PDB file of N, CA and C in Angstrom:
ATOM      1  N   MET A   1      13.303  -6.246 -30.947  1.00  0.00           N
ATOM      2  CA  MET A   1      12.952  -5.112 -29.848  1.00  0.00           C
ATOM      3  C   MET A   1      13.991  -4.780 -28.751  1.00  0.00           C
ATOM      4  N   SER A   2      14.031  -3.543 -28.527  1.00  0.00           N
ATOM      5  CA  SER A   2      15.037  -3.352 -27.389  1.00  0.00           C
ATOM      6  C   SER A   2      14.842  -4.039 -25.966  1.00  0.00           C
ATOM      7  N   ALA A   3      15.861  -3.808 -25.268  1.00  0.00           N
ATOM      8  CA  ALA A   3      15.734  -4.753 -23.902  1.00  0.00           C
ATOM      9  C   ALA A   3      14.918  -3.864 -22.971  1.00  0.00           C
ATOM     10  N   LYS A   4      14.940  -2.517 -23.019  1.00  0.00           N
ATOM     11  CA  LYS A   4      14.078  -1.729 -22.267  1.00  0.00           C
ATOM     12  C   LYS A   4      12.558  -1.802 -22.546  1.00  0.00           C
ATOM     13  N   ARG A   5      12.301  -2.183 -23.957  1.00  0.00           N
ATOM     14  CA  ARG A   5      10.932  -2.227 -24.315  1.00  0.00           C
ATOM     15  C   ARG A   5      10.462  -3.762 -23.811  1.00  0.00           C
ATOM     16  N   ASP A   6      11.198  -4.684 -23.788  1.00  0.00           N
ATOM     17  CA  ASP A   6      10.964  -5.944 -23.365  1.00  0.00           C
ATOM     18  C   ASP A   6      10.830  -5.997 -22.040  1.00  0.00           C
ATOM     19  N   ASP A   7      11.534  -5.197 -21.277  1.00  0.00           N
ATOM     20  CA  ASP A   7      11.426  -5.136 -19.779  1.00  0.00           C
ATOM     21  C   ASP A   7      10.099  -4.562 -19.392  1.00  0.00           C
ATOM     22  N   ARG A   8       9.749  -3.358 -20.016  1.00  0.00           N
ATOM     23  CA  ARG A   8       8.392  -2.893 -19.845  1.00  0.00           C
ATOM     24  C   ARG A   8       7.215  -3.597 -20.185  1.00  0.00           C
ATOM     25  N   ILE A   9       7.442  -4.496 -21.178  1.00  0.00           N
ATOM     26  CA  ILE A   9       6.194  -5.293 -21.592  1.00  0.00           C
ATOM     27  C   ILE A   9       6.056  -6.351 -20.538  1.00  0.00           C
ATOM     28  N   ALA A  10       7.265  -6.921 -20.145  1.00  0.00           N
ATOM     29  CA  ALA A  10       7.193  -7.984 -19.237  1.00  0.00           C
ATOM     30  C   ALA A  10       6.711  -7.464 -17.722  1.00  0.00           C
ATOM     31  N   ALA A  11       6.970  -6.302 -17.383  1.00  0.00           N
ATOM     32  CA  ALA A  11       6.571  -5.737 -16.111  1.00  0.00           C
ATOM     33  C   ALA A  11       4.968  -5.474 -16.170  1.00  0.00           C
ATOM     34  N   ARG A  12       4.651  -4.966 -17.340  1.00  0.00           N
ATOM     35  CA  ARG A  12       3.092  -4.839 -17.473  1.00  0.00           C
ATOM     36  C   ARG A  12       2.287  -6.059 -17.491  1.00  0.00           C
ATOM     37  N   GLU A  13       2.720  -6.936 -18.133  1.00  0.00           N
ATOM     38  CA  GLU A  13       2.044  -8.173 -17.958  1.00  0.00           C
ATOM     39  C   GLU A  13       1.845  -8.697 -16.649  1.00  0.00           C
ATOM     40  N   ALA A  14       3.030  -8.730 -16.036  1.00  0.00           N
ATOM     41  CA  ALA A  14       3.096  -9.184 -14.606  1.00  0.00           C
ATOM     42  C   ALA A  14       2.126  -8.365 -13.660  1.00  0.00           C
ATOM     43  N   ALA A  15       2.324  -7.023 -13.952  1.00  0.00           N
ATOM     44  CA  ALA A  15       1.226  -6.395 -13.225  1.00  0.00           C
ATOM     45  C   ALA A  15      -0.214  -6.757 -13.375  1.00  0.00           C
ATOM     46  N   TYR A  16      -0.620  -7.194 -14.467  1.00  0.00           N
ATOM     47  CA  TYR A  16      -2.032  -7.462 -14.677  1.00  0.00           C
ATOM     48  C   TYR A  16      -2.486  -9.053 -14.096  1.00  0.00           C
ATOM     49  N   ARG A  17      -1.129  -9.560 -14.087  1.00  0.00           N
ATOM     50  CA  ARG A  17      -1.350 -10.895 -13.334  1.00  0.00           C
ATOM     51  C   ARG A  17      -1.566 -11.075 -11.854  1.00  0.00           C
ATOM     52  N   GLY A  18      -0.985 -10.142 -11.279  1.00  0.00           N
ATOM     53  CA  GLY A  18      -1.278 -10.102  -9.785  1.00  0.00           C
ATOM     54  C   GLY A  18      -0.392  -9.077  -9.024  1.00  0.00           C
ATOM     55  N   PRO A  19      -0.538  -8.787  -7.711  1.00  0.00           N
ATOM     56  CA  PRO A  19       0.060  -7.775  -6.993  1.00  0.00           C
ATOM     57  C   PRO A  19       1.498  -7.985  -6.694  1.00  0.00           C
ATOM     58  N   THR A  20       1.862  -9.416  -6.664  1.00  0.00           N
ATOM     59  CA  THR A  20       3.361  -9.477  -6.149  1.00  0.00           C
ATOM     60  C   THR A  20       4.409  -9.360  -7.183  1.00  0.00           C
ATOM     61  N   ASN A  21       5.287  -8.806  -6.920  1.00  0.00           N
ATOM     62  CA  ASN A  21       6.634  -8.359  -7.735  1.00  0.00           C
ATOM     63  C   ASN A  21       7.389  -9.675  -7.978  1.00  0.00           C
ATOM     64  N   PRO A  22       7.398 -10.379  -9.266  1.00  0.00           N
ATOM     65  CA  PRO A  22       8.245 -11.538  -9.406  1.00  0.00           C
ATOM     66  C   PRO A  22       9.785 -11.522  -9.867  1.00  0.00           C
ATOM     67  N   PHE A  23      10.070 -10.024 -10.042  1.00  0.00           N
ATOM     68  CA  PHE A  23      11.394  -9.717 -10.557  1.00  0.00           C
ATOM     69  C   PHE A  23      12.419  -9.649  -9.443  1.00  0.00           C
ATOM     70  N   ASP A  24      13.599  -9.764  -9.802  1.00  0.00           N
ATOM     71  CA  ASP A  24      14.585  -9.469  -8.553  1.00  0.00           C
ATOM     72  C   ASP A  24      14.884  -8.060  -8.155  1.00  0.00           C
ATOM     73  N   PRO A  25      14.725  -7.758  -6.982  1.00  0.00           N
ATOM     74  CA  PRO A  25      14.988  -6.510  -6.425  1.00  0.00           C
ATOM     75  C   PRO A  25      16.092  -5.625  -6.860  1.00  0.00           C
ATOM     76  N   GLY A  26      15.803  -4.448  -7.313  1.00  0.00           N
ATOM     77  CA  GLY A  26      16.960  -3.773  -7.775  1.00  0.00           C
ATOM     78  C   GLY A  26      16.999  -3.665  -9.467  1.00  0.00           C
ATOM     79  N   SER A  27      16.417  -4.680 -10.001  1.00  0.00           N
ATOM     80  CA  SER A  27      16.356  -4.708 -11.550  1.00  0.00           C
ATOM     81  C   SER A  27      15.289  -3.871 -12.177  1.00  0.00           C
ATOM     82  N   ARG A  28      15.715  -3.403 -13.309  1.00  0.00           N
ATOM     83  CA  ARG A  28      14.881  -2.518 -14.079  1.00  0.00           C
ATOM     84  C   ARG A  28      13.404  -2.942 -14.145  1.00  0.00           C
ATOM     85  N   ARG A  29      13.206  -4.442 -14.299  1.00  0.00           N
ATOM     86  CA  ARG A  29      11.892  -4.982 -14.387  1.00  0.00           C
ATOM     87  C   ARG A  29      11.204  -4.734 -12.874  1.00  0.00           C
ATOM     88  N   HIS A  30      11.794  -4.878 -11.847  1.00  0.00           N
ATOM     89  CA  HIS A  30      11.266  -4.561 -10.738  1.00  0.00           C
ATOM     90  C   HIS A  30      10.856  -3.067 -10.592  1.00  0.00           C
ATOM     91  N   ARG A  31      11.508  -2.277 -10.984  1.00  0.00           N
ATOM     92  CA  ARG A  31      11.083  -0.869 -10.685  1.00  0.00           C
ATOM     93  C   ARG A  31      10.016  -0.521 -11.681  1.00  0.00           C
ATOM     94  N   LEU A  32      10.046  -1.149 -12.997  1.00  0.00           N
ATOM     95  CA  LEU A  32       8.863  -0.762 -14.033  1.00  0.00           C
ATOM     96  C   LEU A  32       7.609  -1.527 -13.418  1.00  0.00           C
ATOM     97  N   PHE A  33       7.748  -2.672 -12.617  1.00  0.00           N
ATOM     98  CA  PHE A  33       6.605  -3.347 -12.304  1.00  0.00           C
ATOM     99  C   PHE A  33       5.799  -2.505 -11.331  1.00  0.00           C
ATOM    100  N   ALA A  34       6.620  -1.722 -10.448  1.00  0.00           N
ATOM    101  CA  ALA A  34       5.916  -0.836  -9.529  1.00  0.00           C
ATOM    102  C   ALA A  34       5.126   0.136 -10.136  1.00  0.00           C
ATOM    103  N   LYS A  35       5.692   0.695 -11.106  1.00  0.00           N
ATOM    104  CA  LYS A  35       4.967   1.728 -12.094  1.00  0.00           C
ATOM    105  C   LYS A  35       3.646   1.063 -12.654  1.00  0.00           C
ATOM    106  N   ALA A  36       3.868   0.052 -13.450  1.00  0.00           N
ATOM    107  CA  ALA A  36       2.783  -0.641 -13.930  1.00  0.00           C
ATOM    108  C   ALA A  36       1.672  -1.087 -13.036  1.00  0.00           C
ATOM    109  N   ARG A  37       2.008  -1.459 -11.824  1.00  0.00           N
ATOM    110  CA  ARG A  37       1.018  -1.839 -10.815  1.00  0.00           C
ATOM    111  C   ARG A  37       0.285  -0.660 -10.359  1.00  0.00           C
ATOM    112  N   GLN A  38       0.853   0.520 -10.123  1.00  0.00           N
ATOM    113  CA  GLN A  38       0.214   1.615  -9.796  1.00  0.00           C
ATOM    114  C   GLN A  38      -0.762   2.092 -11.033  1.00  0.00           C
ATOM    115  N   HIS A  39      -0.448   1.945 -12.115  1.00  0.00           N
ATOM    116  CA  HIS A  39      -1.462   2.034 -13.391  1.00  0.00           C
ATOM    117  C   HIS A  39      -2.575   1.303 -13.436  1.00  0.00           C
ATOM    118  N   VAL A  40      -2.234  -0.071 -13.064  1.00  0.00           N
ATOM    119  CA  VAL A  40      -3.382  -1.041 -13.142  1.00  0.00           C
ATOM    120  C   VAL A  40      -4.279  -0.564 -11.778  1.00  0.00           C
ATOM    121  N   GLU A  41      -3.897  -0.337 -10.671  1.00  0.00           N
ATOM    122  CA  GLU A  41      -4.702   0.145  -9.463  1.00  0.00           C
ATOM    123  C   GLU A  41      -5.569   1.379  -9.970  1.00  0.00           C
ATOM    124  N   ASN A  42      -4.761   2.478 -10.686  1.00  0.00           N
ATOM    125  CA  ASN A  42      -5.560   3.518 -11.236  1.00  0.00           C
ATOM    126  C   ASN A  42      -6.912   3.318 -12.084  1.00  0.00           C
ATOM    127  N   MET A  43      -6.429   2.441 -13.016  1.00  0.00           N
ATOM    128  CA  MET A  43      -7.446   1.917 -14.021  1.00  0.00           C
ATOM    129  C   MET A  43      -8.461   1.290 -13.338  1.00  0.00           C
ATOM    130  N   ASP A  44      -8.360   0.435 -12.427  1.00  0.00           N
ATOM    131  CA  ASP A  44      -9.461  -0.298 -11.592  1.00  0.00           C
ATOM    132  C   ASP A  44     -10.251   0.426 -11.034  1.00  0.00           C
ATOM    133  N   ALA A  45      -9.734   1.630 -10.358  1.00  0.00           N
ATOM    134  CA  ALA A  45     -10.614   2.465  -9.461  1.00  0.00           C
ATOM    135  C   ALA A  45     -11.232   3.371 -10.520  1.00  0.00           C
ATOM    136  N   ALA A  46     -10.867   3.770 -11.653  1.00  0.00           N
ATOM    137  CA  ALA A  46     -11.585   4.462 -12.579  1.00  0.00           C
ATOM    138  C   ALA A  46     -12.793   3.635 -13.173  1.00  0.00           C
ATOM    139  N   PHE A  47     -12.537   2.330 -13.318  1.00  0.00           N
ATOM    140  CA  PHE A  47     -13.478   1.425 -13.893  1.00  0.00           C
ATOM    141  C   PHE A  47     -14.626   1.139 -12.835  1.00  0.00           C
ATOM    142  N   ARG A  48     -14.143   0.997 -11.469  1.00  0.00           N
ATOM    143  CA  ARG A  48     -15.296   1.074 -10.591  1.00  0.00           C
ATOM    144  C   ARG A  48     -16.115   2.281 -10.237  1.00  0.00           C
ATOM    145  N   ASP A  49     -15.450   3.257 -10.635  1.00  0.00           N
ATOM    146  CA  ASP A  49     -16.187   4.692 -10.495  1.00  0.00           C
ATOM    147  C   ASP A  49     -17.289   4.733 -11.637  1.00  0.00           C
ATOM    148  N   LEU A  50     -16.717   4.208 -12.860  1.00  0.00           N
ATOM    149  CA  LEU A  50     -17.842   4.272 -13.995  1.00  0.00           C
ATOM    150  C   LEU A  50     -18.932   3.245 -13.826  1.00  0.00           C
ATOM    151  N   GLU A  51     -18.405   2.143 -13.182  1.00  0.00           N
ATOM    152  CA  GLU A  51     -19.529   1.150 -13.070  1.00  0.00           C
ATOM    153  C   GLU A  51     -20.625   1.466 -11.989  1.00  0.00           C
ATOM    154  N   ALA A  52     -20.227   2.293 -10.989  1.00  0.00           N
ATOM    155  CA  ALA A  52     -21.068   2.747 -10.097  1.00  0.00           C
ATOM    156  C   ALA A  52     -22.206   3.652 -10.633  1.00  0.00           C
ATOM    157  N   VAL A  53     -21.565   4.525 -11.658  1.00  0.00           N
ATOM    158  CA  VAL A  53     -22.382   5.436 -12.395  1.00  0.00           C
ATOM    159  C   VAL A  53     -23.418   4.965 -13.466  1.00  0.00           C
ATOM    160  N   TYR A  54     -22.814   4.097 -14.187  1.00  0.00           N
ATOM    161  CA  TYR A  54     -23.432   3.435 -15.306  1.00  0.00           C
ATOM    162  C   TYR A  54     -23.916   2.023 -15.181  1.00  0.00           C
ATOM    163  N   GLY A  55     -23.567   1.595 -14.105  1.00  0.00           N
ATOM    164  CA  GLY A  55     -24.004  -0.098 -13.948  1.00  0.00           C
ATOM    165  C   GLY A  55     -22.793  -0.982 -14.629  1.00  0.00           C
ATOM    166  N   THR A  56     -22.956  -2.316 -14.415  1.00  0.00           N
ATOM    167  CA  THR A  56     -22.253  -3.100 -14.959  1.00  0.00           C
ATOM    168  C   THR A  56     -22.391  -3.505 -16.491  1.00  0.00           C
ATOM    169  N   ILE A  57     -21.459  -3.986 -17.273  1.00  0.00           N
ATOM    170  CA  ILE A  57     -21.390  -4.263 -18.548  1.00  0.00           C
ATOM    171  C   ILE A  57     -22.536  -5.373 -18.821  1.00  0.00           C
ATOM    172  N   GLY A  58     -23.414  -5.117 -19.816  1.00  0.00           N
ATOM    173  CA  GLY A  58     -24.350  -6.073 -20.198  1.00  0.00           C
ATOM    174  C   GLY A  58     -25.548  -6.162 -19.269  1.00  0.00           C
ATOM    175  N   GLN A  59     -25.633  -5.142 -18.404  1.00  0.00           N
ATOM    176  CA  GLN A  59     -27.069  -5.212 -17.464  1.00  0.00           C
ATOM    177  C   GLN A  59     -27.502  -3.623 -17.808  1.00  0.00           C
ATOM    178  N   ARG A  60     -28.734  -3.474 -17.798  1.00  0.00           N
ATOM    179  CA  ARG A  60     -29.337  -2.119 -17.805  1.00  0.00           C
ATOM    180  C   ARG A  60     -29.434  -1.486 -16.477  1.00  0.00           C
ATOM    181  N   LYS A  61     -28.951  -0.367 -16.388  1.00  0.00           N
ATOM    182  CA  LYS A  61     -29.336   0.466 -14.987  1.00  0.00           C
ATOM    183  C   LYS A  61     -30.704   0.783 -14.947  1.00  0.00           C
ATOM    184  N   GLU A  62     -31.212   0.519 -13.598  1.00  0.00           N
ATOM    185  CA  GLU A  62     -32.534   0.877 -13.495  1.00  0.00           C
ATOM    186  C   GLU A  62     -32.837   2.377 -13.338  1.00  0.00           C
ATOM    187  N   SER A  63     -33.653   3.082 -13.941  1.00  0.00           N
ATOM    188  CA  SER A  63     -33.991   4.528 -13.883  1.00  0.00           C
ATOM    189  C   SER A  63     -34.471   4.706 -12.851  1.00  0.00           C
ATOM    190  N   VAL A  64     -34.268   5.915 -12.055  1.00  0.00           N
ATOM    191  CA  VAL A  64     -34.610   6.422 -10.775  1.00  0.00           C
ATOM    192  C   VAL A  64     -35.953   7.307 -11.031  1.00  0.00           C
TER     193      VAL A  64
END
């Protein structure tokens, strides 16, 4: 694999582990982590919106 792809994968995995950036400031992985973290937050927000409409997974939503 290429170094850029490895950096992107490492940043994405770290973003899903937590909000703190484990990479050296100024590095490519540090910059990619910020983008990946924003993606994680957007996906979490979308999931919460869907959960509000359809209920949690595995549980039936009560009919109104």
